[in-house]
All heavy atoms as atom14 arrays in JSON, in Angstrom:
{
  "sequence": "LFGKWCRPNYNSAAATFCHNTANDLPITVNDRNTELELVYIDDLVAE",
  "atom14_mask": [
    [1, 1, 1, 1, 1, 1, 1, 1, 0, 0, 0, 0, 0, 0],
    [1, 1, 1, 1, 1, 1, 1, 1, 1, 1, 1, 0, 0, 0],
    [1, 1, 1, 1, 0, 0, 0, 0, 0, 0, 0, 0, 0, 0],
    [1, 1, 1, 1, 1, 1, 1, 1, 1, 0, 0, 0, 0, 0],
    [1, 1, 1, 1, 1, 1, 1, 1, 1, 1, 1, 1, 1, 1],
    [1, 1, 1, 1, 1, 1, 0, 0, 0, 0, 0, 0, 0, 0],
    [1, 1, 1, 1, 1, 1, 1, 1, 1, 1, 1, 0, 0, 0],
    [1, 1, 1, 1, 1, 1, 1, 0, 0, 0, 0, 0, 0, 0],
    [1, 1, 1, 1, 1, 1, 1, 1, 0, 0, 0, 0, 0, 0],
    [1, 1, 1, 1, 1, 1, 1, 1, 1, 1, 1, 1, 0, 0],
    [1, 1, 1, 1, 1, 1, 1, 1, 0, 0, 0, 0, 0, 0],
    [1, 1, 1, 1, 1, 1, 0, 0, 0, 0, 0, 0, 0, 0],
    [1, 1, 1, 1, 1, 0, 0, 0, 0, 0, 0, 0, 0, 0],
    [1, 1, 1, 1, 1, 0, 0, 0, 0, 0, 0, 0, 0, 0],
    [1, 1, 1, 1, 1, 0, 0, 0, 0, 0, 0, 0, 0, 0],
    [1, 1, 1, 1, 1, 1, 1, 0, 0, 0, 0, 0, 0, 0],
    [1, 1, 1, 1, 1, 1, 1, 1, 1, 1, 1, 0, 0, 0],
    [1, 1, 1, 1, 1, 1, 0, 0, 0, 0, 0, 0, 0, 0],
    [1, 1, 1, 1, 1, 1, 1, 1, 1, 1, 0, 0, 0, 0],
    [1, 1, 1, 1, 1, 1, 1, 1, 0, 0, 0, 0, 0, 0],
    [1, 1, 1, 1, 1, 1, 1, 0, 0, 0, 0, 0, 0, 0],
    [1, 1, 1, 1, 1, 0, 0, 0, 0, 0, 0, 0, 0, 0],
    [1, 1, 1, 1, 1, 1, 1, 1, 0, 0, 0, 0, 0, 0],
    [1, 1, 1, 1, 1, 1, 1, 1, 0, 0, 0, 0, 0, 0],
    [1, 1, 1, 1, 1, 1, 1, 1, 0, 0, 0, 0, 0, 0],
    [1, 1, 1, 1, 1, 1, 1, 0, 0, 0, 0, 0, 0, 0],
    [1, 1, 1, 1, 1, 1, 1, 1, 0, 0, 0, 0, 0, 0],
    [1, 1, 1, 1, 1, 1, 1, 0, 0, 0, 0, 0, 0, 0],
    [1, 1, 1, 1, 1, 1, 1, 0, 0, 0, 0, 0, 0, 0],
    [1, 1, 1, 1, 1, 1, 1, 1, 0, 0, 0, 0, 0, 0],
    [1, 1, 1, 1, 1, 1, 1, 1, 0, 0, 0, 0, 0, 0],
    [1, 1, 1, 1, 1, 1, 1, 1, 1, 1, 1, 0, 0, 0],
    [1, 1, 1, 1, 1, 1, 1, 1, 0, 0, 0, 0, 0, 0],
    [1, 1, 1, 1, 1, 1, 1, 0, 0, 0, 0, 0, 0, 0],
    [1, 1, 1, 1, 1, 1, 1, 1, 1, 0, 0, 0, 0, 0],
    [1, 1, 1, 1, 1, 1, 1, 1, 0, 0, 0, 0, 0, 0],
    [1, 1, 1, 1, 1, 1, 1, 1, 1, 0, 0, 0, 0, 0],
    [1, 1, 1, 1, 1, 1, 1, 1, 0, 0, 0, 0, 0, 0],
    [1, 1, 1, 1, 1, 1, 1, 0, 0, 0, 0, 0, 0, 0],
    [1, 1, 1, 1, 1, 1, 1, 1, 1, 1, 1, 1, 0, 0],
    [1, 1, 1, 1, 1, 1, 1, 1, 0, 0, 0, 0, 0, 0],
    [1, 1, 1, 1, 1, 1, 1, 1, 0, 0, 0, 0, 0, 0],
    [1, 1, 1, 1, 1, 1, 1, 1, 0, 0, 0, 0, 0, 0],
    [1, 1, 1, 1, 1, 1, 1, 1, 0, 0, 0, 0, 0, 0],
    [1, 1, 1, 1, 1, 1, 1, 0, 0, 0, 0, 0, 0, 0],
    [1, 1, 1, 1, 1, 0, 0, 0, 0, 0, 0, 0, 0, 0],
    [1, 1, 1, 1, 1, 1, 1, 1, 1, 0, 0, 0, 0, 0]
  ],
  "atom14_positions": [
    [[0.8, -1.15, 0.08], [0.04, -0.01, -0.06], [0.87, 1.3, -0.02], [1.98, 1.24, 0.49], [-0.89, -0.01, 1.24], [-1.78, -1.19, 1.37], [-2.66, -1.09, 2.7], [-2.76, -1.46, 0.26], [0.0, 0.0, 0.0], [0.0, 0.0, 0.0], [0.0, 0.0, 0.0], [0.0, 0.0, 0.0], [0.0, 0.0, 0.0], [0.0, 0.0, 0.0]],
    [[0.33, 2.36, -0.51], [1.03, 3.66, -0.44], [-0.1, 4.75, -0.43], [-1.23, 4.53, -0.85], [1.97, 3.85, -1.6], [1.39, 4.1, -2.92], [1.45, 5.37, -3.47], [0.7, 3.07, -3.64], [0.89, 5.58, -4.76], [0.12, 3.35, -4.94], [0.22, 4.67, -5.46], [0.0, 0.0, 0.0], [0.0, 0.0, 0.0], [0.0, 0.0, 0.0]],
    [[0.35, 5.93, -0.01], [-0.54, 7.02, 0.09], [-0.22, 7.84, 1.34], [0.59, 7.46, 2.2], [0.0, 0.0, 0.0], [0.0, 0.0, 0.0], [0.0, 0.0, 0.0], [0.0, 0.0, 0.0], [0.0, 0.0, 0.0], [0.0, 0.0, 0.0], [0.0, 0.0, 0.0], [0.0, 0.0, 0.0], [0.0, 0.0, 0.0], [0.0, 0.0, 0.0]],
    [[-0.92, 9.0, 1.55], [-0.73, 9.78, 2.73], [-0.9, 8.97, 4.0], [-1.73, 8.07, 4.09], [-1.63, 11.03, 2.7], [-3.13, 10.72, 2.66], [-3.97, 11.93, 2.54], [-5.49, 11.62, 2.44], [-5.89, 10.74, 1.36], [0.0, 0.0, 0.0], [0.0, 0.0, 0.0], [0.0, 0.0, 0.0], [0.0, 0.0, 0.0], [0.0, 0.0, 0.0]],
    [[-0.28, 9.33, 5.0], [-0.38, 8.81, 6.37], [0.32, 7.37, 6.46], [0.17, 6.73, 7.49], [-1.82, 8.8, 6.86], [-2.47, 10.05, 6.9], [-1.9, 11.31, 7.25], [-3.83, 10.4, 6.47], [-2.8, 12.29, 7.15], [-4.02, 11.79, 6.68], [-4.89, 9.6, 6.08], [-5.22, 12.4, 6.42], [-6.07, 10.18, 5.77], [-6.25, 11.63, 5.97]],
    [[0.96, 6.98, 5.41], [1.6, 5.69, 5.47], [2.96, 5.86, 6.2], [3.65, 6.8, 5.95], [1.91, 5.19, 4.02], [2.56, 3.43, 3.98], [0.0, 0.0, 0.0], [0.0, 0.0, 0.0], [0.0, 0.0, 0.0], [0.0, 0.0, 0.0], [0.0, 0.0, 0.0], [0.0, 0.0, 0.0], [0.0, 0.0, 0.0], [0.0, 0.0, 0.0]],
    [[3.2, 5.0, 7.11], [4.33, 5.13, 8.04], [5.62, 4.8, 7.25], [5.76, 3.7, 6.75], [4.23, 4.22, 9.21], [5.32, 4.21, 10.19], [4.96, 3.38, 11.35], [6.05, 3.08, 12.29], [5.99, 2.24, 13.31], [4.84, 1.61, 13.54], [7.07, 2.02, 14.05], [0.0, 0.0, 0.0], [0.0, 0.0, 0.0], [0.0, 0.0, 0.0]],
    [[6.62, 5.75, 7.08], [7.84, 5.4, 6.41], [8.75, 4.44, 7.22], [8.59, 4.37, 8.41], [8.42, 6.76, 6.2], [7.95, 7.64, 7.28], [6.53, 7.05, 7.63], [0.0, 0.0, 0.0], [0.0, 0.0, 0.0], [0.0, 0.0, 0.0], [0.0, 0.0, 0.0], [0.0, 0.0, 0.0], [0.0, 0.0, 0.0], [0.0, 0.0, 0.0]],
    [[9.68, 3.84, 6.63], [10.64, 3.02, 7.2], [9.98, 1.89, 8.07], [10.4, 1.59, 9.13], [11.62, 3.82, 8.07], [12.36, 4.88, 7.3], [13.0, 4.55, 6.34], [12.23, 6.12, 7.7], [0.0, 0.0, 0.0], [0.0, 0.0, 0.0], [0.0, 0.0, 0.0], [0.0, 0.0, 0.0], [0.0, 0.0, 0.0], [0.0, 0.0, 0.0]],
    [[8.87, 1.41, 7.52], [8.16, 0.42, 8.32], [7.9, -0.77, 7.38], [8.6, -1.75, 7.43], [6.83, 0.99, 8.83], [6.06, 0.13, 9.77], [6.74, -0.38, 10.91], [4.72, -0.33, 9.55], [5.99, -1.21, 11.85], [4.13, -1.08, 10.34], [4.7, -1.54, 11.55], [4.02, -2.4, 12.41], [0.0, 0.0, 0.0], [0.0, 0.0, 0.0]],
    [[6.89, -0.75, 6.51], [6.58, -1.89, 5.65], [6.21, -1.44, 4.25], [5.46, -2.2, 3.56], [5.57, -2.82, 6.25], [4.25, -2.17, 6.46], [4.06, -0.96, 6.36], [3.22, -2.89, 6.89], [0.0, 0.0, 0.0], [0.0, 0.0, 0.0], [0.0, 0.0, 0.0], [0.0, 0.0, 0.0], [0.0, 0.0, 0.0], [0.0, 0.0, 0.0]],
    [[6.43, -0.24, 3.83], [6.12, 0.27, 2.48], [7.3, 0.94, 1.9], [7.73, 2.05, 2.33], [4.89, 1.28, 2.54], [4.79, 1.91, 1.33], [0.0, 0.0, 0.0], [0.0, 0.0, 0.0], [0.0, 0.0, 0.0], [0.0, 0.0, 0.0], [0.0, 0.0, 0.0], [0.0, 0.0, 0.0], [0.0, 0.0, 0.0], [0.0, 0.0, 0.0]],
    [[7.83, 0.28, 0.84], [8.98, 0.91, 0.2], [8.65, 2.2, -0.47], [9.38, 3.17, -0.48], [9.52, -0.07, -0.9], [0.0, 0.0, 0.0], [0.0, 0.0, 0.0], [0.0, 0.0, 0.0], [0.0, 0.0, 0.0], [0.0, 0.0, 0.0], [0.0, 0.0, 0.0], [0.0, 0.0, 0.0], [0.0, 0.0, 0.0], [0.0, 0.0, 0.0]],
    [[7.43, 2.29, -1.07], [7.0, 3.53, -1.67], [6.95, 4.71, -0.66], [7.36, 5.81, -0.94], [5.6, 3.36, -2.41], [0.0, 0.0, 0.0], [0.0, 0.0, 0.0], [0.0, 0.0, 0.0], [0.0, 0.0, 0.0], [0.0, 0.0, 0.0], [0.0, 0.0, 0.0], [0.0, 0.0, 0.0], [0.0, 0.0, 0.0], [0.0, 0.0, 0.0]],
    [[6.31, 4.43, 0.48], [6.26, 5.49, 1.53], [7.64, 5.94, 2.01], [7.82, 7.03, 2.17], [5.46, 4.92, 2.72], [0.0, 0.0, 0.0], [0.0, 0.0, 0.0], [0.0, 0.0, 0.0], [0.0, 0.0, 0.0], [0.0, 0.0, 0.0], [0.0, 0.0, 0.0], [0.0, 0.0, 0.0], [0.0, 0.0, 0.0], [0.0, 0.0, 0.0]],
    [[8.52, 4.99, 2.17], [9.87, 5.29, 2.59], [10.62, 6.06, 1.6], [11.27, 7.11, 1.86], [10.67, 3.93, 2.87], [9.97, 3.22, 3.97], [12.1, 4.28, 3.35], [0.0, 0.0, 0.0], [0.0, 0.0, 0.0], [0.0, 0.0, 0.0], [0.0, 0.0, 0.0], [0.0, 0.0, 0.0], [0.0, 0.0, 0.0], [0.0, 0.0, 0.0]],
    [[10.44, 5.67, 0.32], [11.11, 6.49, -0.75], [10.55, 7.93, -0.83], [11.33, 8.86, -0.94], [10.94, 5.79, -2.1], [11.83, 4.55, -2.35], [12.47, 3.99, -1.34], [11.94, 4.11, -3.66], [13.35, 2.93, -1.6], [12.8, 2.98, -3.89], [13.52, 2.41, -2.88], [0.0, 0.0, 0.0], [0.0, 0.0, 0.0], [0.0, 0.0, 0.0]],
    [[9.31, 8.0, -0.72], [8.61, 9.38, -0.76], [9.09, 10.19, 0.44], [9.51, 11.4, 0.22], [7.07, 9.26, -0.67], [6.34, 8.66, -2.2], [0.0, 0.0, 0.0], [0.0, 0.0, 0.0], [0.0, 0.0, 0.0], [0.0, 0.0, 0.0], [0.0, 0.0, 0.0], [0.0, 0.0, 0.0], [0.0, 0.0, 0.0], [0.0, 0.0, 0.0]],
    [[9.15, 9.63, 1.63], [9.53, 10.34, 2.84], [10.97, 10.85, 2.72], [11.37, 11.95, 2.99], [9.34, 9.41, 4.07], [9.96, 9.97, 5.33], [11.22, 9.68, 5.69], [9.42, 10.9, 6.23], [11.51, 10.33, 6.8], [10.46, 11.04, 7.19], [0.0, 0.0, 0.0], [0.0, 0.0, 0.0], [0.0, 0.0, 0.0], [0.0, 0.0, 0.0]],
    [[11.84, 9.84, 2.29], [13.25, 10.2, 2.24], [13.55, 11.2, 1.16], [14.35, 12.16, 1.37], [14.05, 8.92, 2.09], [14.18, 8.04, 3.29], [13.42, 8.2, 4.26], [14.98, 7.09, 3.26], [0.0, 0.0, 0.0], [0.0, 0.0, 0.0], [0.0, 0.0, 0.0], [0.0, 0.0, 0.0], [0.0, 0.0, 0.0], [0.0, 0.0, 0.0]],
    [[12.98, 11.09, 0.05], [13.2, 12.05, -0.98], [12.8, 13.51, -0.59], [13.41, 14.52, -0.82], [12.49, 11.64, -2.33], [12.95, 10.32, -2.69], [12.77, 12.61, -3.44], [0.0, 0.0, 0.0], [0.0, 0.0, 0.0], [0.0, 0.0, 0.0], [0.0, 0.0, 0.0], [0.0, 0.0, 0.0], [0.0, 0.0, 0.0], [0.0, 0.0, 0.0]],
    [[11.58, 13.48, 0.04], [11.0, 14.83, 0.49], [11.86, 15.5, 1.53], [11.92, 16.71, 1.69], [9.58, 14.61, 0.98], [0.0, 0.0, 0.0], [0.0, 0.0, 0.0], [0.0, 0.0, 0.0], [0.0, 0.0, 0.0], [0.0, 0.0, 0.0], [0.0, 0.0, 0.0], [0.0, 0.0, 0.0], [0.0, 0.0, 0.0], [0.0, 0.0, 0.0]],
    [[12.62, 14.65, 2.27], [13.37, 15.17, 3.45], [14.84, 15.08, 3.21], [15.67, 15.18, 4.05], [13.04, 14.47, 4.62], [11.61, 14.7, 5.14], [11.45, 15.8, 5.88], [10.67, 14.0, 4.81], [0.0, 0.0, 0.0], [0.0, 0.0, 0.0], [0.0, 0.0, 0.0], [0.0, 0.0, 0.0], [0.0, 0.0, 0.0], [0.0, 0.0, 0.0]],
    [[15.25, 14.96, 1.87], [16.62, 14.98, 1.43], [17.49, 13.9, 2.08], [18.68, 14.06, 2.42], [17.29, 16.3, 1.67], [16.68, 17.42, 0.92], [16.24, 17.19, -0.25], [16.52, 18.52, 1.49], [0.0, 0.0, 0.0], [0.0, 0.0, 0.0], [0.0, 0.0, 0.0], [0.0, 0.0, 0.0], [0.0, 0.0, 0.0], [0.0, 0.0, 0.0]],
    [[16.79, 12.71, 2.33], [17.5, 11.51, 2.85], [17.74, 10.54, 1.67], [16.95, 10.5, 0.75], [16.64, 10.9, 3.89], [16.34, 11.79, 5.12], [15.38, 11.09, 6.11], [17.65, 12.07, 5.93], [0.0, 0.0, 0.0], [0.0, 0.0, 0.0], [0.0, 0.0, 0.0], [0.0, 0.0, 0.0], [0.0, 0.0, 0.0], [0.0, 0.0, 0.0]],
    [[18.76, 9.77, 1.76], [19.05, 8.82, 0.64], [18.05, 7.7, 0.6], [17.39, 7.29, 1.6], [20.48, 8.24, 1.08], [20.53, 8.44, 2.58], [19.77, 9.69, 2.94], [0.0, 0.0, 0.0], [0.0, 0.0, 0.0], [0.0, 0.0, 0.0], [0.0, 0.0, 0.0], [0.0, 0.0, 0.0], [0.0, 0.0, 0.0], [0.0, 0.0, 0.0]],
    [[17.85, 7.19, -0.64], [17.1, 5.9, -0.8], [18.06, 4.91, -1.44], [19.01, 5.18, -2.15], [15.83, 6.18, -1.68], [16.25, 6.69, -3.07], [14.94, 7.2, -1.09], [15.16, 6.74, -4.08], [0.0, 0.0, 0.0], [0.0, 0.0, 0.0], [0.0, 0.0, 0.0], [0.0, 0.0, 0.0], [0.0, 0.0, 0.0], [0.0, 0.0, 0.0]],
    [[17.74, 3.63, -1.02], [18.53, 2.54, -1.56], [17.77, 1.67, -2.47], [16.74, 1.09, -2.16], [19.05, 1.66, -0.37], [19.71, 2.53, 0.6], [19.96, 0.59, -0.84], [0.0, 0.0, 0.0], [0.0, 0.0, 0.0], [0.0, 0.0, 0.0], [0.0, 0.0, 0.0], [0.0, 0.0, 0.0], [0.0, 0.0, 0.0], [0.0, 0.0, 0.0]],
    [[18.29, 1.57, -3.71], [17.63, 0.66, -4.75], [18.63, -0.3, -5.13], [19.6, -0.02, -5.9], [17.2, 1.59, -5.99], [16.58, 0.63, -6.97], [16.26, 2.65, -5.52], [0.0, 0.0, 0.0], [0.0, 0.0, 0.0], [0.0, 0.0, 0.0], [0.0, 0.0, 0.0], [0.0, 0.0, 0.0], [0.0, 0.0, 0.0], [0.0, 0.0, 0.0]],
    [[18.53, -1.55, -4.65], [19.54, -2.59, -4.95], [19.29, -3.14, -6.35], [20.29, -3.51, -7.02], [19.36, -3.71, -3.88], [19.73, -3.26, -2.55], [20.73, -2.52, -2.31], [19.05, -3.77, -1.48], [0.0, 0.0, 0.0], [0.0, 0.0, 0.0], [0.0, 0.0, 0.0], [0.0, 0.0, 0.0], [0.0, 0.0, 0.0], [0.0, 0.0, 0.0]],
    [[18.05, -3.16, -6.76], [17.73, -3.69, -8.16], [16.67, -2.9, -8.75], [15.42, -2.85, -8.34], [17.39, -5.2, -8.09], [17.08, -5.77, -9.47], [17.13, -5.04, -10.4], [16.79, -7.03, -9.57], [0.0, 0.0, 0.0], [0.0, 0.0, 0.0], [0.0, 0.0, 0.0], [0.0, 0.0, 0.0], [0.0, 0.0, 0.0], [0.0, 0.0, 0.0]],
    [[16.96, -2.01, -9.72], [15.97, -1.08, -10.31], [14.87, -1.89, -10.97], [13.77, -1.4, -11.23], [16.65, -0.2, -11.34], [17.56, 0.87, -10.75], [18.17, 1.71, -11.84], [17.17, 2.24, -12.78], [16.51, 3.4, -12.6], [16.74, 4.08, -11.52], [15.6, 3.77, -13.5], [0.0, 0.0, 0.0], [0.0, 0.0, 0.0], [0.0, 0.0, 0.0]],
    [[15.1, -3.14, -11.35], [14.07, -3.89, -12.07], [13.09, -4.64, -11.14], [12.21, -5.34, -11.63], [14.79, -4.92, -12.97], [15.48, -4.21, -14.1], [15.01, -3.21, -14.67], [16.66, -4.65, -14.45], [0.0, 0.0, 0.0], [0.0, 0.0, 0.0], [0.0, 0.0, 0.0], [0.0, 0.0, 0.0], [0.0, 0.0, 0.0], [0.0, 0.0, 0.0]],
    [[13.31, -4.55, -9.87], [12.42, -5.24, -8.87], [11.09, -4.61, -9.1], [10.87, -3.45, -9.0], [12.84, -5.03, -7.43], [14.14, -5.66, -7.3], [11.87, -5.65, -6.46], [0.0, 0.0, 0.0], [0.0, 0.0, 0.0], [0.0, 0.0, 0.0], [0.0, 0.0, 0.0], [0.0, 0.0, 0.0], [0.0, 0.0, 0.0], [0.0, 0.0, 0.0]],
    [[10.04, -5.52, -9.32], [8.65, -5.02, -9.49], [7.79, -5.21, -8.36], [7.86, -6.23, -7.61], [8.07, -5.83, -10.73], [6.71, -5.22, -11.17], [6.07, -5.97, -12.36], [5.6, -7.12, -12.18], [6.13, -5.37, -13.48], [0.0, 0.0, 0.0], [0.0, 0.0, 0.0], [0.0, 0.0, 0.0], [0.0, 0.0, 0.0], [0.0, 0.0, 0.0]],
    [[6.99, -4.19, -8.09], [6.05, -4.14, -6.93], [4.64, -4.03, -7.5], [4.38, -3.33, -8.51], [6.29, -3.02, -5.99], [7.7, -2.89, -5.34], [7.72, -1.67, -4.4], [7.97, -4.11, -4.47], [0.0, 0.0, 0.0], [0.0, 0.0, 0.0], [0.0, 0.0, 0.0], [0.0, 0.0, 0.0], [0.0, 0.0, 0.0], [0.0, 0.0, 0.0]],
    [[3.65, -4.69, -6.76], [2.23, -4.35, -7.03], [1.81, -3.46, -5.9], [1.88, -3.75, -4.76], [1.39, -5.55, -7.1], [-0.05, -5.28, -7.37], [-1.02, -6.49, -7.42], [-0.52, -7.6, -7.02], [-2.12, -6.34, -7.72], [0.0, 0.0, 0.0], [0.0, 0.0, 0.0], [0.0, 0.0, 0.0], [0.0, 0.0, 0.0], [0.0, 0.0, 0.0]],
    [[1.29, -2.24, -6.22], [0.92, -1.33, -5.29], [-0.51, -0.92, -5.4], [-1.05, -0.78, -6.52], [1.81, -0.07, -5.5], [3.31, -0.25, -5.18], [4.11, 1.01, -5.74], [3.57, -0.43, -3.76], [0.0, 0.0, 0.0], [0.0, 0.0, 0.0], [0.0, 0.0, 0.0], [0.0, 0.0, 0.0], [0.0, 0.0, 0.0], [0.0, 0.0, 0.0]],
    [[-1.15, -0.73, -4.23], [-2.49, -0.24, -4.23], [-2.5, 1.12, -3.49], [-1.88, 1.24, -2.33], [-3.45, -1.17, -3.4], [-4.79, -0.5, -3.05], [-3.75, -2.3, -4.37], [0.0, 0.0, 0.0], [0.0, 0.0, 0.0], [0.0, 0.0, 0.0], [0.0, 0.0, 0.0], [0.0, 0.0, 0.0], [0.0, 0.0, 0.0], [0.0, 0.0, 0.0]],
    [[-3.15, 2.09, -4.09], [-3.16, 3.43, -3.49], [-4.32, 3.51, -2.49], [-5.41, 2.96, -2.63], [-3.43, 4.48, -4.66], [-3.42, 5.93, -4.21], [-2.38, 6.48, -3.46], [-4.47, 6.77, -4.57], [-2.37, 7.86, -3.11], [-4.54, 8.1, -4.16], [-3.46, 8.59, -3.5], [-3.48, 9.96, -3.16], [0.0, 0.0, 0.0], [0.0, 0.0, 0.0]],
    [[-4.04, 4.3, -1.37], [-4.94, 4.36, -0.27], [-6.33, 4.76, -0.62], [-7.42, 4.28, -0.13], [-4.41, 5.14, 0.92], [-5.3, 5.02, 2.16], [-4.15, 6.58, 0.46], [-5.41, 3.61, 2.73], [0.0, 0.0, 0.0], [0.0, 0.0, 0.0], [0.0, 0.0, 0.0], [0.0, 0.0, 0.0], [0.0, 0.0, 0.0], [0.0, 0.0, 0.0]],
    [[-6.5, 5.81, -1.56], [-7.74, 6.26, -1.9], [-8.59, 5.26, -2.68], [-9.85, 5.21, -2.65], [-7.67, 7.53, -2.72], [-7.31, 8.75, -1.79], [-7.01, 8.52, -0.67], [-7.19, 9.9, -2.32], [0.0, 0.0, 0.0], [0.0, 0.0, 0.0], [0.0, 0.0, 0.0], [0.0, 0.0, 0.0], [0.0, 0.0, 0.0], [0.0, 0.0, 0.0]],
    [[-7.92, 4.41, -3.54], [-8.52, 3.4, -4.25], [-9.04, 2.3, -3.34], [-10.09, 1.73, -3.46], [-7.56, 2.71, -5.2], [-7.22, 3.71, -6.39], [-8.05, 4.62, -6.76], [-6.1, 3.6, -6.87], [0.0, 0.0, 0.0], [0.0, 0.0, 0.0], [0.0, 0.0, 0.0], [0.0, 0.0, 0.0], [0.0, 0.0, 0.0], [0.0, 0.0, 0.0]],
    [[-8.25, 2.01, -2.21], [-8.63, 1.05, -1.25], [-9.88, 1.5, -0.49], [-10.83, 0.75, -0.31], [-7.48, 0.82, -0.26], [-7.62, -0.34, 0.75], [-6.25, -0.82, 1.15], [-8.42, 0.1, 1.99], [0.0, 0.0, 0.0], [0.0, 0.0, 0.0], [0.0, 0.0, 0.0], [0.0, 0.0, 0.0], [0.0, 0.0, 0.0], [0.0, 0.0, 0.0]],
    [[-9.86, 2.8, 0.0], [-11.0, 3.36, 0.67], [-12.31, 3.26, -0.23], [-13.33, 3.01, 0.25], [-10.75, 4.75, 1.11], [-12.02, 5.39, 1.68], [-9.73, 4.74, 2.21], [0.0, 0.0, 0.0], [0.0, 0.0, 0.0], [0.0, 0.0, 0.0], [0.0, 0.0, 0.0], [0.0, 0.0, 0.0], [0.0, 0.0, 0.0], [0.0, 0.0, 0.0]],
    [[-12.07, 3.62, -1.49], [-13.3, 3.59, -2.4], [-13.93, 2.2, -2.51], [-15.05, 2.0, -2.54], [-12.85, 4.06, -3.86], [0.0, 0.0, 0.0], [0.0, 0.0, 0.0], [0.0, 0.0, 0.0], [0.0, 0.0, 0.0], [0.0, 0.0, 0.0], [0.0, 0.0, 0.0], [0.0, 0.0, 0.0], [0.0, 0.0, 0.0], [0.0, 0.0, 0.0]],
    [[-13.01, 1.1, -2.43], [-13.52, -0.18, -2.46], [-14.19, -0.44, -1.12], [-15.2, -1.22, -1.16], [-12.36, -1.2, -2.69], [-12.64, -2.62, -2.55], [-13.68, -3.17, -3.49], [-13.94, -2.51, -4.52], [-14.26, -4.19, -3.19], [0.0, 0.0, 0.0], [0.0, 0.0, 0.0], [0.0, 0.0, 0.0], [0.0, 0.0, 0.0], [0.0, 0.0, 0.0]]
  ]
}
């Protein structure tokens, strides 16, 4: 999952990447080709 209010450095790579980029902190990408399936919080709430 990803979206606002998602806790960074916990269990969402997208949230961690967003938080770190916004706050000028480094992000680590070991394999750029690693694929994730992500659901956005507003789409989840709509469901």
